[in-house]
Protein backbone atom coordinates (compact mmCIF):
# COMPACT_ATOMS: atom_id res chain seq x y z
CA UNK A 1 0.00 0.00 0.00
CA UNK A 2 1.21 3.48 -0.80
CA UNK A 3 1.51 5.22 2.57
CA UNK A 4 1.52 8.99 3.08
CA UNK A 5 4.91 10.56 3.61
CA UNK A 6 5.71 13.00 6.36
CA UNK A 7 4.60 16.50 5.33
CA UNK A 8 8.11 17.89 5.78
CA UNK A 9 9.43 15.59 3.03
CA UNK A 10 6.75 16.47 0.47
CA UNK A 11 7.95 18.47 -2.51
CA UNK A 12 6.45 21.86 -3.36
CA UNK A 13 3.12 21.58 -5.12
CA UNK A 14 2.16 18.31 -3.43
CA UNK A 15 -0.40 17.67 -0.72
CA UNK A 16 -0.34 14.93 1.89
CA UNK A 17 -3.83 13.52 2.05
CA UNK A 18 -4.74 10.98 4.70
CA UNK A 19 -8.04 10.15 3.03
CA UNK A 20 -9.19 11.57 -0.26
CA UNK A 21 -12.51 10.99 -1.98
CA UNK A 22 -12.10 11.30 -5.75
CA UNK A 23 -14.50 11.53 -8.65
CA UNK A 24 -13.78 12.10 -12.37
CA UNK A 25 -14.00 15.66 -13.68
CA UNK A 26 -13.64 14.82 -17.37
CA UNK A 27 -9.92 15.47 -17.49
CA UNK A 28 -7.69 12.58 -18.62
CA UNK A 29 -5.08 13.38 -15.97
CA UNK A 30 -6.78 15.01 -13.03
CA UNK A 31 -9.59 14.38 -10.56
CA UNK A 32 -11.40 16.51 -8.04
CA UNK A 33 -10.87 15.32 -4.49
CA UNK A 34 -12.28 16.17 -1.09
CA UNK A 35 -9.76 16.07 1.72
CA UNK A 36 -10.80 15.19 5.31
CA UNK A 37 -11.60 18.86 5.99
CA UNK A 38 -13.98 19.11 3.05
CA UNK A 39 -11.76 21.28 0.85
CA UNK A 40 -11.72 20.53 -2.89
CA UNK A 41 -8.51 19.99 -4.87
CA UNK A 42 -7.83 19.26 -8.51
CA UNK A 43 -5.15 16.58 -8.28
CA UNK A 44 -3.19 14.33 -10.59
CA UNK A 45 -4.13 10.69 -10.31
CA UNK A 46 -1.54 8.54 -8.53
CA UNK A 47 0.46 5.98 -10.45
CA UNK A 48 -1.42 3.19 -8.75
CA UNK A 49 -4.62 3.29 -6.67
CA UNK A 50 -4.18 2.40 -3.03
CA UNK A 51 -6.30 2.13 0.06
CA UNK A 52 -8.49 -0.43 1.71
CA UNK A 53 -11.79 1.50 1.82
CA UNK A 54 -13.99 1.49 -1.32
CA UNK A 55 -14.06 4.93 -2.94
CA UNK A 56 -11.03 6.18 -0.99
CA UNK A 57 -7.33 6.36 -1.75
CA UNK A 58 -4.33 7.14 0.40
CA UNK A 59 -1.04 8.73 -0.49
CA UNK A 60 0.67 11.87 -1.73
CA UNK A 61 -1.20 13.67 -4.51
CA UNK A 62 0.33 16.33 -6.76
CA UNK A 63 -1.75 19.41 -7.56
CA UNK A 64 -2.73 19.92 -11.19
CA UNK A 65 -1.31 23.21 -12.53
CA UNK A 66 -3.50 25.81 -14.19
CA UNK A 67 -6.66 25.02 -12.24
CA UNK A 68 -8.63 28.30 -12.26
CA UNK A 69 -11.74 27.41 -10.26
CA UNK A 70 -10.29 28.36 -6.84
CA UNK A 71 -8.91 31.56 -8.41
CA UNK A 72 -12.41 32.61 -9.43
CA UNK A 73 -13.77 31.74 -5.99
CA UNK A 74 -11.19 33.90 -4.25
CA UNK A 75 -11.51 36.79 -6.71
CA UNK A 76 -15.22 36.88 -5.83
CA UNK A 77 -14.48 36.51 -2.10
CA UNK A 78 -12.08 39.47 -2.13
CA UNK A 79 -14.27 41.63 -4.39
CA UNK A 80 -17.38 41.12 -2.25
CA UNK A 81 -15.40 41.92 0.90
CA UNK A 82 -14.22 45.17 -0.67
CA UNK A 83 -17.73 45.97 -1.89
CA UNK A 84 -19.16 45.45 1.58
CA UNK A 85 -16.83 48.03 3.09
CA UNK A 86 -17.32 50.38 0.14
CA UNK A 87 -21.04 50.44 0.87
CA UNK A 88 -20.41 50.62 4.61
CA UNK A 89 -18.26 53.77 4.36
CA UNK A 90 -20.85 55.58 2.25
CA UNK A 91 -23.69 54.69 4.61
CA UNK A 92 -21.99 55.68 7.87
CA UNK A 93 -23.35 59.26 7.79
CA UNK A 94 -26.88 57.90 7.31
CA UNK A 95 -26.41 55.50 10.22
CA UNK A 96 -25.26 58.37 12.40
CA UNK A 97 -28.29 60.49 11.47
CA UNK A 98 -30.82 57.68 11.86
CA UNK A 99 -29.66 56.98 15.42
CA UNK A 100 -29.03 60.65 16.27
CA UNK A 101 -25.40 60.06 17.25
CA UNK A 102 -22.73 62.69 17.80
CA UNK A 103 -19.32 62.36 16.14
CA UNK A 104 -17.81 61.36 19.47
CA UNK A 105 -20.42 58.68 20.15
CA UNK A 106 -20.04 57.13 16.71
CA UNK A 107 -16.25 57.20 16.96
CA UNK A 108 -16.28 55.52 20.37
CA UNK A 109 -18.64 52.79 19.16
CA UNK A 110 -16.59 52.14 16.02
CA UNK A 111 -13.41 51.91 18.09
CA UNK A 112 -15.04 49.48 20.51
CA UNK A 113 -16.31 47.35 17.65
CA UNK A 114 -12.93 47.35 15.95
CA UNK A 115 -11.33 45.83 19.05
CA UNK A 116 -13.25 42.62 18.30
CA UNK A 117 -11.15 42.04 15.19
CA UNK A 118 -8.06 40.99 17.15
CA UNK A 119 -9.52 38.06 19.14
CA UNK A 120 -11.57 37.13 16.07
CA UNK A 121 -8.42 36.92 13.93
CA UNK A 122 -6.72 34.79 16.55
CA UNK A 123 -9.72 32.46 16.75
CA UNK A 124 -9.97 32.30 12.95
CA UNK A 125 -6.31 31.28 12.69
CA UNK A 126 -7.02 28.31 14.95
CA UNK A 127 -10.26 27.38 13.21
CA UNK A 128 -8.60 27.43 9.79
CA UNK A 129 -6.11 24.85 11.06
CA UNK A 130 -8.92 22.78 12.58
CA UNK A 131 -11.62 22.82 9.90
CA UNK A 132 -10.04 24.42 6.81
CA UNK A 133 -10.28 27.81 5.11
CA UNK A 134 -13.38 26.86 3.12
CA UNK A 135 -15.65 26.42 6.15
CA UNK A 136 -14.32 29.52 7.92
CA UNK A 137 -14.94 31.67 4.83
CA UNK A 138 -18.47 30.32 4.46
CA UNK A 139 -19.38 30.80 8.14
CA UNK A 140 -17.93 34.29 8.53
CA UNK A 141 -19.39 35.40 5.20
CA UNK A 142 -22.85 34.40 6.38
CA UNK A 143 -22.38 36.32 9.65
CA UNK A 144 -21.23 39.41 7.73
CA UNK A 145 -24.32 39.24 5.53
CA UNK A 146 -26.75 38.93 8.44
CA UNK A 147 -25.07 41.62 10.52
CA UNK A 148 -25.18 44.04 7.60
CA UNK A 149 -28.96 43.67 7.34
CA UNK A 150 -29.19 44.17 11.10
CA UNK A 151 -27.76 47.70 10.80
CA UNK A 152 -30.92 48.71 8.95
CA UNK A 153 -33.16 47.00 11.52
CA UNK A 154 -31.55 48.47 14.66
CA UNK A 155 -34.34 49.49 17.04
CA UNK A 156 -32.13 51.49 19.39
CA UNK A 157 -28.63 52.89 19.71
CA UNK A 158 -27.89 50.60 22.67
CA UNK A 159 -27.58 47.58 20.39
CA UNK A 160 -25.20 49.27 17.94
CA UNK A 161 -22.07 48.51 19.96
CA UNK A 162 -22.97 44.81 20.17
CA UNK A 163 -23.69 44.69 16.46
CA UNK A 164 -20.40 46.43 15.66
CA UNK A 165 -18.54 43.85 17.75
CA UNK A 166 -20.15 41.07 15.70
CA UNK A 167 -19.61 42.85 12.38
CA UNK A 168 -15.95 43.73 12.91
CA UNK A 169 -15.22 40.36 14.50
CA UNK A 170 -16.67 38.52 11.50
CA UNK A 171 -14.80 40.79 9.09
CA UNK A 172 -11.49 40.12 10.85
CA UNK A 173 -12.03 36.36 10.78
CA UNK A 174 -13.12 36.47 7.12
CA UNK A 175 -10.04 38.55 6.28
CA UNK A 176 -7.71 36.00 7.85
CA UNK A 177 -9.43 33.10 6.07
CA UNK A 178 -9.39 34.60 2.55
CA UNK A 179 -5.77 35.71 2.86
CA UNK A 180 -4.76 32.27 4.10
CA UNK A 181 -6.63 30.69 1.19
CA UNK A 182 -4.87 33.11 -1.19
CA UNK A 183 -1.43 32.16 0.12
CA UNK A 184 -2.26 28.46 -0.15
CA UNK A 185 -3.54 28.96 -3.69
CA UNK A 186 -0.34 30.74 -4.71
CA UNK A 187 1.68 27.79 -3.47
CA UNK A 188 -0.75 25.42 -5.16
CA UNK A 189 -0.48 27.10 -8.58
CA UNK A 190 3.20 28.09 -8.23
CA UNK A 191 2.53 31.60 -9.51
CA UNK A 192 1.63 34.96 -8.03
CA UNK A 193 -2.05 35.84 -7.72
CA UNK A 194 -2.17 37.96 -4.56
CA UNK A 195 -1.83 41.21 -6.50
CA UNK A 196 -4.89 40.33 -8.58
CA UNK A 197 -6.88 39.36 -5.51
CA UNK A 198 -6.10 42.62 -3.75
CA UNK A 199 -6.95 44.47 -6.95
CA UNK A 200 -10.31 42.69 -6.84
CA UNK A 201 -10.78 43.93 -3.27
CA UNK A 202 -10.04 47.52 -4.32
CA UNK A 203 -12.32 47.33 -7.37
CA UNK A 204 -15.05 45.84 -5.20
CA UNK A 205 -14.69 48.68 -2.69
CA UNK A 206 -14.92 51.28 -5.46
CA UNK A 207 -17.94 49.56 -7.02
CA UNK A 208 -19.67 49.29 -3.64
CA UNK A 209 -19.13 52.98 -2.96
CA UNK A 210 -20.49 53.94 -6.39
CA UNK A 211 -23.56 51.72 -5.98
CA UNK A 212 -24.29 53.01 -2.48
CA UNK A 213 -23.78 56.61 -3.59
CA UNK A 214 -26.12 56.12 -6.55
CA UNK A 215 -28.79 54.63 -4.29
CA UNK A 216 -28.47 57.54 -1.86
CA UNK A 217 -28.83 60.02 -4.72
CA UNK A 218 -31.80 58.42 -6.49
CA UNK A 219 -33.82 56.14 -4.18
CA UNK A 220 -36.87 57.59 -2.36
CA UNK A 221 -35.77 55.89 0.85
CA UNK A 222 -32.05 55.20 0.31
CA UNK A 223 -31.09 54.05 3.80
CA UNK A 224 -32.84 50.63 3.88
CA UNK A 225 -32.42 50.11 0.13
CA UNK A 226 -28.63 50.43 0.32
CA UNK A 227 -28.38 48.03 3.25
CA UNK A 228 -30.31 45.39 1.32
CA UNK A 229 -27.87 45.47 -1.64
CA UNK A 230 -24.91 43.84 0.09
CA UNK A 231 -26.36 40.66 1.69
CA UNK A 232 -27.52 39.05 -1.59
CA UNK A 233 -24.09 39.72 -3.12
CA UNK A 234 -22.33 38.16 -0.13
CA UNK A 235 -24.64 35.13 -0.13
CA UNK A 236 -24.12 34.61 -3.87
CA UNK A 237 -20.38 34.72 -3.29
CA UNK A 238 -20.69 32.14 -0.50
CA UNK A 239 -22.77 29.94 -2.82
CA UNK A 240 -20.02 30.13 -5.46
CA UNK A 241 -17.33 29.29 -2.92
CA UNK A 242 -19.46 26.47 -1.55
CA UNK A 243 -19.85 25.01 -5.02
CA UNK A 244 -16.31 25.50 -6.31
CA UNK A 245 -14.28 25.52 -3.11
CA UNK A 246 -10.84 26.92 -2.34
CA UNK A 247 -7.45 25.28 -2.04
CA UNK A 248 -7.03 23.57 1.31
CA UNK A 249 -4.78 24.67 4.12
CA UNK A 250 -1.30 23.09 4.38
CA UNK A 251 -1.36 19.33 4.54
CA UNK A 252 0.38 18.98 7.89
CA UNK A 253 -2.87 19.68 9.71
CA UNK A 254 -4.58 16.94 7.70
CA UNK A 255 -2.11 14.20 8.48
CA UNK A 256 -0.05 15.08 11.55
CA UNK A 257 -2.93 15.64 13.95
CA UNK A 258 -0.74 15.10 16.99
CA UNK A 259 1.37 18.18 16.39
CA UNK A 260 0.38 21.60 17.64
CA UNK A 261 -1.27 23.68 14.91
CA UNK A 262 0.69 26.46 13.27
CA UNK A 263 -0.87 29.78 14.15
CA UNK A 264 -1.58 32.03 11.22
CA UNK A 265 -1.10 35.18 13.24
CA UNK A 266 2.51 34.17 13.83
CA UNK A 267 3.07 34.46 10.07
CA UNK A 268 4.12 38.02 9.19
CA UNK A 269 2.85 37.66 5.61
CA UNK A 270 -0.69 36.81 6.72
CA UNK A 271 -0.69 39.67 9.23
CA UNK A 272 0.47 42.11 6.55
CA UNK A 273 -2.07 40.95 3.98
CA UNK A 274 -4.90 41.07 6.50
CA UNK A 275 -3.94 44.61 7.49
CA UNK A 276 -3.82 45.72 3.85
CA UNK A 277 -7.27 44.34 3.05
């Protein structure tokens, strides 16, 4: 039987997979596979099948180059994230007026909410190692969508601080997950894509600001209308990611479960990318 090698001995571009479910995708050389964390890969078939469970194989699988499906998923994930904050920035004055807040009150609430990003990023780094980037992106994207709608439905100013804690916490966790997925995808494809993904974030932010500004200028009741634009876009993005997936986190967490997980926040590159986006 072909046994998995230790992750440290695996060459670049390969993934150690303890158990991989495979199904044909129409390509003569590659198959889609689900790793134990539920992340999808496009992988070259091994020289010989191995494994003692029907429908499963064990061993080291090499990633197929040029697979664009995860690229599209992450472009959408980054663009929607930028669009969300583009809309958010435009709508802040309306939120302030609707709740009759002073500049000082709004600033204090935003600062308090922003503090939630740090523990959320730390927790997200651990969850990515435990369950994979795909599930963290899906969960935090859903929370972002629901919390955005809640801004429109706020009955009183007292709940704004709690909602901001949830909103900024989810955004910090989502930020960590998409940047981790982007780094993994770069390693997977062996080419640079981070610049394009951050360009997608910037374009999404600009588009979100333009859309929100247009709604404010033309809609009879722009405040609720603008807040209802973002959630469908976020949910559509989550549906795309759910269908197409992202490249999995490093293989060590899939095979060497006895070792302590590597913390993303200890990686300067992930910290820098999360701060930029």
